[in-house]
């Protein structure tokens, strides 16, 4: 009986420890997501600012791998 209780207590400690670890991991992932989102927004702003400047200097502007309308749509979305 005591052995069964001991095993249950060990299992409970393991589960709590795993829960704490998962909470830490969740916080780290949310922080990374926030950093990446901010980086993407800065890059989009840079693209929007650079394209007209390059064109005004008659420099060739490479075609992006994504539609530029995505930049405008993201700015209009409430999450932007």
PDB file of N, CA and C in Angstrom:
ATOM      1  N   UNK A   1       0.826  -1.190   0.000  1.00  0.00           N
ATOM      2  CA  UNK A   1       0.000   0.000   0.000  1.00  0.00           C
ATOM      3  C   UNK A   1       0.875   1.260   0.000  1.00  0.00           C
ATOM      4  N   UNK A   2       1.883   1.288   0.885  1.00  0.00           N
ATOM      5  CA  UNK A   2       2.770   2.450   0.940  1.00  0.00           C
ATOM      6  C   UNK A   2       3.523   2.626  -0.372  1.00  0.00           C
ATOM      7  N   UNK A   3       3.877   1.512  -0.979  1.00  0.00           N
ATOM      8  CA  UNK A   3       4.596   1.575  -2.252  1.00  0.00           C
ATOM      9  C   UNK A   3       3.699   2.184  -3.333  1.00  0.00           C
ATOM     10  N   UNK A   4       2.430   1.833  -3.337  1.00  0.00           N
ATOM     11  CA  UNK A   4       1.490   2.375  -4.321  1.00  0.00           C
ATOM     12  C   UNK A   4       1.332   3.882  -4.124  1.00  0.00           C
ATOM     13  N   UNK A   5       1.238   4.313  -2.891  1.00  0.00           N
ATOM     14  CA  UNK A   5       1.120   5.747  -2.596  1.00  0.00           C
ATOM     15  C   UNK A   5       2.388   6.473  -3.035  1.00  0.00           C
ATOM     16  N   UNK A   6       3.529   5.864  -2.763  1.00  0.00           N
ATOM     17  CA  UNK A   6       4.807   6.458  -3.161  1.00  0.00           C
ATOM     18  C   UNK A   6       4.889   6.598  -4.680  1.00  0.00           C
ATOM     19  N   UNK A   7       4.448   5.570  -5.397  1.00  0.00           N
ATOM     20  CA  UNK A   7       4.470   5.618  -6.865  1.00  0.00           C
ATOM     21  C   UNK A   7       3.536   6.713  -7.373  1.00  0.00           C
ATOM     22  N   UNK A   8       2.357   6.821  -6.762  1.00  0.00           N
ATOM     23  CA  UNK A   8       1.401   7.863  -7.167  1.00  0.00           C
ATOM     24  C   UNK A   8       1.980   9.256  -6.911  1.00  0.00           C
ATOM     25  N   UNK A   9       2.634   9.427  -5.762  1.00  0.00           N
ATOM     26  CA  UNK A   9       3.237  10.725  -5.439  1.00  0.00           C
ATOM     27  C   UNK A   9       4.346  11.083  -6.429  1.00  0.00           C
ATOM     28  N   UNK A  10       5.145  10.090  -6.797  1.00  0.00           N
ATOM     29  CA  UNK A  10       6.210  10.332  -7.781  1.00  0.00           C
ATOM     30  C   UNK A  10       5.607  10.720  -9.128  1.00  0.00           C
ATOM     31  N   UNK A  11       4.563  10.021  -9.516  1.00  0.00           N
ATOM     32  CA  UNK A  11       3.904  10.323 -10.790  1.00  0.00           C
ATOM     33  C   UNK A  11       3.313  11.729 -10.761  1.00  0.00           C
ATOM     34  N   UNK A  12       2.722  12.097  -9.634  1.00  0.00           N
ATOM     35  CA  UNK A  12       2.134  13.430  -9.495  1.00  0.00           C
ATOM     36  C   UNK A  12       3.211  14.511  -9.597  1.00  0.00           C
ATOM     37  N   UNK A  13       4.363  14.280  -8.951  1.00  0.00           N
ATOM     38  CA  UNK A  13       5.473  15.232  -9.048  1.00  0.00           C
ATOM     39  C   UNK A  13       5.955  15.364 -10.491  1.00  0.00           C
ATOM     40  N   UNK A  14       6.052  14.231 -11.177  1.00  0.00           N
ATOM     41  CA  UNK A  14       6.489  14.249 -12.575  1.00  0.00           C
ATOM     42  C   UNK A  14       5.519  15.041 -13.450  1.00  0.00           C
ATOM     43  N   UNK A  15       4.236  14.835 -13.223  1.00  0.00           N
ATOM     44  CA  UNK A  15       3.223  15.546 -14.013  1.00  0.00           C
ATOM     45  C   UNK A  15       3.289  17.042 -13.735  1.00  0.00           C
ATOM     46  N   UNK A  16       3.426  17.416 -12.479  1.00  0.00           N
ATOM     47  CA  UNK A  16       3.526  18.841 -12.139  1.00  0.00           C
ATOM     48  C   UNK A  16       4.777  19.459 -12.760  1.00  0.00           C
ATOM     49  N   UNK A  17       5.870  18.725 -12.692  1.00  0.00           N
ATOM     50  CA  UNK A  17       7.120  19.208 -13.284  1.00  0.00           C
ATOM     51  C   UNK A  17       6.963  19.398 -14.789  1.00  0.00           C
ATOM     52  N   UNK A  18       6.321  18.447 -15.434  1.00  0.00           N
ATOM     53  CA  UNK A  18       6.081  18.542 -16.878  1.00  0.00           C
ATOM     54  C   UNK A  18       5.169  19.732 -17.185  1.00  0.00           C
ATOM     55  N   UNK A  19       4.166  19.952 -16.350  1.00  0.00           N
ATOM     56  CA  UNK A  19       3.271  21.100 -16.532  1.00  0.00           C
ATOM     57  C   UNK A  19       4.031  22.415 -16.428  1.00  0.00           C
ATOM     58  N   UNK A  20       4.920  22.512 -15.446  1.00  0.00           N
ATOM     59  CA  UNK A  20       5.737  23.721 -15.293  1.00  0.00           C
ATOM     60  C   UNK A  20       6.633  23.933 -16.510  1.00  0.00           C
ATOM     61  N   UNK A  21       7.219  22.834 -16.982  1.00  0.00           N
ATOM     62  CA  UNK A  21       8.097  22.917 -18.152  1.00  0.00           C
ATOM     63  C   UNK A  21       7.312  23.374 -19.381  1.00  0.00           C
ATOM     64  N   UNK A  22       6.106  22.854 -19.546  1.00  0.00           N
ATOM     65  CA  UNK A  22       5.278  23.243 -20.691  1.00  0.00           C
ATOM     66  C   UNK A  22       4.853  24.711 -20.605  1.00  0.00           C
ATOM     67  N   UNK A  23       4.570  25.181 -19.399  1.00  0.00           N
ATOM     68  CA  UNK A  23       4.220  26.595 -19.226  1.00  0.00           C
ATOM     69  C   UNK A  23       5.397  27.495 -19.597  1.00  0.00           C
ATOM     70  N   UNK A  24       6.600  27.109 -19.177  1.00  0.00           N
ATOM     71  CA  UNK A  24       7.798  27.875 -19.539  1.00  0.00           C
ATOM     72  C   UNK A  24       7.992  27.887 -21.049  1.00  0.00           C
ATOM     73  N   UNK A  25       7.812  26.728 -21.653  1.00  0.00           N
ATOM     74  CA  UNK A  25       7.972  26.617 -23.105  1.00  0.00           C
ATOM     75  C   UNK A  25       6.930  27.476 -23.824  1.00  0.00           C
ATOM     76  N   UNK A  26       5.711  27.493 -23.316  1.00  0.00           N
ATOM     77  CA  UNK A  26       4.656  28.318 -23.912  1.00  0.00           C
ATOM     78  C   UNK A  26       5.037  29.797 -23.855  1.00  0.00           C
ATOM     79  N   UNK A  27       5.559  30.241 -22.718  1.00  0.00           N
ATOM     80  CA  UNK A  27       5.964  31.638 -22.576  1.00  0.00           C
ATOM     81  C   UNK A  27       7.093  31.976 -23.542  1.00  0.00           C
ATOM     82  N   UNK A  28       8.064  31.073 -23.678  1.00  0.00           N
ATOM     83  CA  UNK A  28       9.178  31.302 -24.601  1.00  0.00           C
ATOM     84  C   UNK A  28       8.683  31.382 -26.042  1.00  0.00           C
ATOM     85  N   UNK A  29       7.761  30.502 -26.410  1.00  0.00           N
ATOM     86  CA  UNK A  29       7.225  30.502 -27.773  1.00  0.00           C
ATOM     87  C   UNK A  29       6.414  31.764 -28.055  1.00  0.00           C
ATOM     88  N   UNK A  30       5.645  32.211 -27.073  1.00  0.00           N
ATOM     89  CA  UNK A  30       4.878  33.449 -27.257  1.00  0.00           C
ATOM     90  C   UNK A  30       5.822  34.632 -27.431  1.00  0.00           C
ATOM     91  N   UNK A  31       6.893  34.647 -26.666  1.00  0.00           N
ATOM     92  CA  UNK A  31       7.880  35.719 -26.786  1.00  0.00           C
ATOM     93  C   UNK A  31       8.538  35.691 -28.160  1.00  0.00           C
ATOM     94  N   UNK A  32       8.892  34.501 -28.618  1.00  0.00           N
ATOM     95  CA  UNK A  32       9.497  34.364 -29.950  1.00  0.00           C
ATOM     96  C   UNK A  32       8.527  34.806 -31.031  1.00  0.00           C
ATOM     97  N   UNK A  33       7.267  34.441 -30.878  1.00  0.00           N
ATOM     98  CA  UNK A  33       6.256  34.822 -31.862  1.00  0.00           C
ATOM     99  C   UNK A  33       6.127  36.344 -31.921  1.00  0.00           C
ATOM    100  N   UNK A  34       6.122  36.989 -30.770  1.00  0.00           N
ATOM    101  CA  UNK A  34       6.027  38.442 -30.727  1.00  0.00           C
ATOM    102  C   UNK A  34       7.234  39.077 -31.414  1.00  0.00           C
ATOM    103  N   UNK A  35       8.418  38.572 -31.118  1.00  0.00           N
ATOM    104  CA  UNK A  35       9.631  39.108 -31.740  1.00  0.00           C
ATOM    105  C   UNK A  35       9.609  38.930 -33.249  1.00  0.00           C
ATOM    106  N   UNK A  36       9.202  37.752 -33.700  1.00  0.00           N
ATOM    107  CA  UNK A  36       9.145  37.491 -35.142  1.00  0.00           C
ATOM    108  C   UNK A  36       8.108  38.377 -35.824  1.00  0.00           C
ATOM    109  N   UNK A  37       6.966  38.555 -35.194  1.00  0.00           N
ATOM    110  CA  UNK A  37       5.917  39.405 -35.764  1.00  0.00           C
ATOM    111  C   UNK A  37       6.415  40.838 -35.896  1.00  0.00           C
ATOM    112  N   UNK A  38       7.090  41.338 -34.874  1.00  0.00           N
ATOM    113  CA  UNK A  38       7.631  42.698 -34.939  1.00  0.00           C
ATOM    114  C   UNK A  38       8.691  42.809 -36.025  1.00  0.00           C
ATOM    115  N   UNK A  39       9.528  41.794 -36.156  1.00  0.00           N
ATOM    116  CA  UNK A  39      10.550  41.791 -37.204  1.00  0.00           C
ATOM    117  C   UNK A  39       9.933  41.808 -38.587  1.00  0.00           C
ATOM    118  N   UNK A  40       8.890  41.027 -38.784  1.00  0.00           N
ATOM    119  CA  UNK A  40       8.200  40.995 -40.077  1.00  0.00           C
ATOM    120  C   UNK A  40       7.596  42.356 -40.384  1.00  0.00           C
ATOM    121  N   UNK A  41       6.986  42.977 -39.404  1.00  0.00           N
ATOM    122  CA  UNK A  41       6.390  44.309 -39.620  1.00  0.00           C
ATOM    123  C   UNK A  41       7.460  45.329 -40.011  1.00  0.00           C
ATOM    124  N   UNK A  42       8.612  45.274 -39.338  1.00  0.00           N
ATOM    125  CA  UNK A  42       9.695  46.207 -39.679  1.00  0.00           C
ATOM    126  C   UNK A  42      10.192  45.964 -41.101  1.00  0.00           C
ATOM    127  N   UNK A  43      10.336  44.696 -41.470  1.00  0.00           N
ATOM    128  CA  UNK A  43      10.780  44.372 -42.830  1.00  0.00           C
ATOM    129  C   UNK A  43       9.776  44.861 -43.868  1.00  0.00           C
ATOM    130  N   UNK A  44       8.508  44.704 -43.588  1.00  0.00           N
ATOM    131  CA  UNK A  44       7.478  45.175 -44.520  1.00  0.00           C
ATOM    132  C   UNK A  44       7.544  46.693 -44.674  1.00  0.00           C
ATOM    133  N   UNK A  45       7.739  47.384 -43.566  1.00  0.00           N
ATOM    134  CA  UNK A  45       7.864  48.845 -43.634  1.00  0.00           C
ATOM    135  C   UNK A  45       9.091  49.233 -44.452  1.00  0.00           C
ATOM    136  N   UNK A  46      10.182  48.515 -44.250  1.00  0.00           N
ATOM    137  CA  UNK A  46      11.401  48.793 -45.016  1.00  0.00           C
ATOM    138  C   UNK A  46      11.171  48.581 -46.505  1.00  0.00           C
ATOM    139  N   UNK A  47      10.488  47.497 -46.850  1.00  0.00           N
ATOM    140  CA  UNK A  47      10.202  47.214 -48.262  1.00  0.00           C
ATOM    141  C   UNK A  47       9.368  48.334 -48.862  1.00  0.00           C
ATOM    142  N   UNK A  48       8.319  48.718 -48.150  1.00  0.00           N
ATOM    143  CA  UNK A  48       7.442  49.768 -48.676  1.00  0.00           C
ATOM    144  C   UNK A  48       8.189  51.088 -48.831  1.00  0.00           C
ATOM    145  N   UNK A  49       9.125  51.371 -47.953  1.00  0.00           N
ATOM    146  CA  UNK A  49       9.878  52.623 -48.034  1.00  0.00           C
ATOM    147  C   UNK A  49      10.959  52.558 -49.108  1.00  0.00           C
ATOM    148  N   UNK A  50      11.579  51.404 -49.269  1.00  0.00           N
ATOM    149  CA  UNK A  50      12.691  51.288 -50.211  1.00  0.00           C
ATOM    150  C   UNK A  50      12.257  51.251 -51.670  1.00  0.00           C
ATOM    151  N   UNK A  51      11.156  50.592 -51.967  1.00  0.00           N
ATOM    152  CA  UNK A  51      10.735  50.438 -53.364  1.00  0.00           C
ATOM    153  C   UNK A  51      10.585  51.792 -54.059  1.00  0.00           C
ATOM    154  N   UNK A  52       9.832  52.736 -53.515  1.00  0.00           N
ATOM    155  CA  UNK A  52       9.718  54.033 -54.200  1.00  0.00           C
ATOM    156  C   UNK A  52      11.058  54.780 -54.304  1.00  0.00           C
ATOM    157  N   UNK A  53      11.891  54.670 -53.276  1.00  0.00           N
ATOM    158  CA  UNK A  53      13.186  55.356 -53.308  1.00  0.00           C
ATOM    159  C   UNK A  53      14.084  54.776 -54.393  1.00  0.00           C
ATOM    160  N   UNK A  54      14.078  53.452 -54.514  1.00  0.00           N
ATOM    161  CA  UNK A  54      14.886  52.820 -55.560  1.00  0.00           C
ATOM    162  C   UNK A  54      14.380  53.204 -56.945  1.00  0.00           C
ATOM    163  N   UNK A  55      13.068  53.205 -57.109  1.00  0.00           N
ATOM    164  CA  UNK A  55      12.496  53.556 -58.409  1.00  0.00           C
ATOM    165  C   UNK A  55      12.778  55.015 -58.753  1.00  0.00           C
ATOM    166  N   UNK A  56      12.740  55.894 -57.755  1.00  0.00           N
ATOM    167  CA  UNK A  56      13.003  57.312 -58.019  1.00  0.00           C
ATOM    168  C   UNK A  56      14.452  57.537 -58.449  1.00  0.00           C
ATOM    169  N   UNK A  57      15.328  56.653 -58.049  1.00  0.00           N
ATOM    170  CA  UNK A  57      16.737  56.738 -58.456  1.00  0.00           C
ATOM    171  C   UNK A  57      17.004  55.902 -59.707  1.00  0.00           C
ATOM    172  N   UNK A  58      15.906  55.409 -60.286  1.00  0.00           N
ATOM    173  CA  UNK A  58      15.956  54.614 -61.510  1.00  0.00           C
ATOM    174  C   UNK A  58      16.818  53.357 -61.346  1.00  0.00           C
ATOM    175  N   UNK A  59      16.750  52.786 -60.172  1.00  0.00           N
ATOM    176  CA  UNK A  59      17.429  51.515 -59.912  1.00  0.00           C
ATOM    177  C   UNK A  59      16.438  50.379 -60.125  1.00  0.00           C
ATOM    178  N   UNK A  60      16.964  49.268 -60.577  1.00  0.00           N
ATOM    179  CA  UNK A  60      16.103  48.117 -60.829  1.00  0.00           C
ATOM    180  C   UNK A  60      15.615  47.539 -59.502  1.00  0.00           C
ATOM    181  N   UNK A  61      14.316  47.296 -59.438  1.00  0.00           N
ATOM    182  CA  UNK A  61      13.715  46.715 -58.239  1.00  0.00           C
ATOM    183  C   UNK A  61      13.294  45.288 -58.575  1.00  0.00           C
ATOM    184  N   UNK A  62      13.887  44.303 -57.918  1.00  0.00           N
ATOM    185  CA  UNK A  62      13.513  42.913 -58.216  1.00  0.00           C
ATOM    186  C   UNK A  62      12.061  42.647 -57.818  1.00  0.00           C
ATOM    187  N   UNK A  63      11.443  41.746 -58.555  1.00  0.00           N
ATOM    188  CA  UNK A  63      10.071  41.361 -58.230  1.00  0.00           C
ATOM    189  C   UNK A  63      10.090  40.506 -56.960  1.00  0.00           C
ATOM    190  N   UNK A  64       9.213  40.811 -56.017  1.00  0.00           N
ATOM    191  CA  UNK A  64       9.175  40.014 -54.779  1.00  0.00           C
ATOM    192  C   UNK A  64       8.568  38.637 -55.029  1.00  0.00           C
ATOM    193  N   UNK A  65       8.838  37.740 -54.106  1.00  0.00           N
ATOM    194  CA  UNK A  65       8.280  36.385 -54.171  1.00  0.00           C
ATOM    195  C   UNK A  65       6.858  36.332 -53.624  1.00  0.00           C
ATOM    196  N   UNK A  66       6.328  37.469 -53.232  1.00  0.00           N
ATOM    197  CA  UNK A  66       4.985  37.543 -52.668  1.00  0.00           C
ATOM    198  C   UNK A  66       4.325  38.802 -53.209  1.00  0.00           C
ATOM    199  N   UNK A  67       2.999  38.818 -53.273  1.00  0.00           N
ATOM    200  CA  UNK A  67       2.329  40.017 -53.776  1.00  0.00           C
ATOM    201  C   UNK A  67       2.458  41.174 -52.780  1.00  0.00           C
ATOM    202  N   UNK A  68       2.742  42.352 -53.299  1.00  0.00           N
ATOM    203  CA  UNK A  68       2.874  43.514 -52.417  1.00  0.00           C
ATOM    204  C   UNK A  68       1.543  43.897 -51.786  1.00  0.00           C
ATOM    205  N   UNK A  69       0.446  43.431 -52.358  1.00  0.00           N
ATOM    206  CA  UNK A  69      -0.855  43.723 -51.752  1.00  0.00           C
ATOM    207  C   UNK A  69      -0.957  43.105 -50.365  1.00  0.00           C
ATOM    208  N   UNK A  70      -0.169  42.053 -50.106  1.00  0.00           N
ATOM    209  CA  UNK A  70      -0.151  41.468 -48.760  1.00  0.00           C
ATOM    210  C   UNK A  70       0.288  42.503 -47.728  1.00  0.00           C
ATOM    211  N   UNK A  71       1.198  43.368 -48.111  1.00  0.00           N
ATOM    212  CA  UNK A  71       1.669  44.403 -47.186  1.00  0.00           C
ATOM    213  C   UNK A  71       0.534  45.344 -46.830  1.00  0.00           C
ATOM    214  N   UNK A  72      -0.236  45.731 -47.829  1.00  0.00           N
ATOM    215  CA  UNK A  72      -1.342  46.649 -47.590  1.00  0.00           C
ATOM    216  C   UNK A  72      -2.440  45.982 -46.779  1.00  0.00           C
ATOM    217  N   UNK A  73      -2.749  44.724 -47.093  1.00  0.00           N
ATOM    218  CA  UNK A  73      -3.792  44.005 -46.371  1.00  0.00           C
ATOM    219  C   UNK A  73      -3.426  43.849 -44.905  1.00  0.00           C
ATOM    220  N   UNK A  74      -2.164  43.556 -44.627  1.00  0.00           N
ATOM    221  CA  UNK A  74      -1.734  43.379 -43.242  1.00  0.00           C
ATOM    222  C   UNK A  74      -1.829  44.678 -42.456  1.00  0.00           C
ATOM    223  N   UNK A  75      -1.576  45.788 -43.110  1.00  0.00           N
ATOM    224  CA  UNK A  75      -1.669  47.069 -42.412  1.00  0.00           C
ATOM    225  C   UNK A  75      -3.113  47.406 -42.075  1.00  0.00           C
ATOM    226  N   UNK A  76      -4.042  46.936 -42.896  1.00  0.00           N
ATOM    227  CA  UNK A  76      -5.450  47.218 -42.666  1.00  0.00           C
ATOM    228  C   UNK A  76      -6.067  46.294 -41.632  1.00  0.00           C
ATOM    229  N   UNK A  77      -5.439  45.158 -41.376  1.00  0.00           N
ATOM    230  CA  UNK A  77      -6.003  44.204 -40.422  1.00  0.00           C
ATOM    231  C   UNK A  77      -5.863  44.749 -39.003  1.00  0.00           C
ATOM    232  N   UNK A  78      -6.803  44.400 -38.115  1.00  0.00           N
ATOM    233  CA  UNK A  78      -6.761  44.930 -36.746  1.00  0.00           C
ATOM    234  C   UNK A  78      -5.569  44.453 -35.942  1.00  0.00           C
ATOM    235  N   UNK A  79      -4.936  43.341 -36.335  1.00  0.00           N
ATOM    236  CA  UNK A  79      -3.780  42.825 -35.593  1.00  0.00           C
ATOM    237  C   UNK A  79      -2.502  43.572 -35.913  1.00  0.00           C
ATOM    238  N   UNK A  80      -2.508  44.361 -36.988  1.00  0.00           N
ATOM    239  CA  UNK A  80      -1.279  45.039 -37.437  1.00  0.00           C
ATOM    240  C   UNK A  80      -0.866  46.137 -36.503  1.00  0.00           C
TER     241      UNK A  80
END
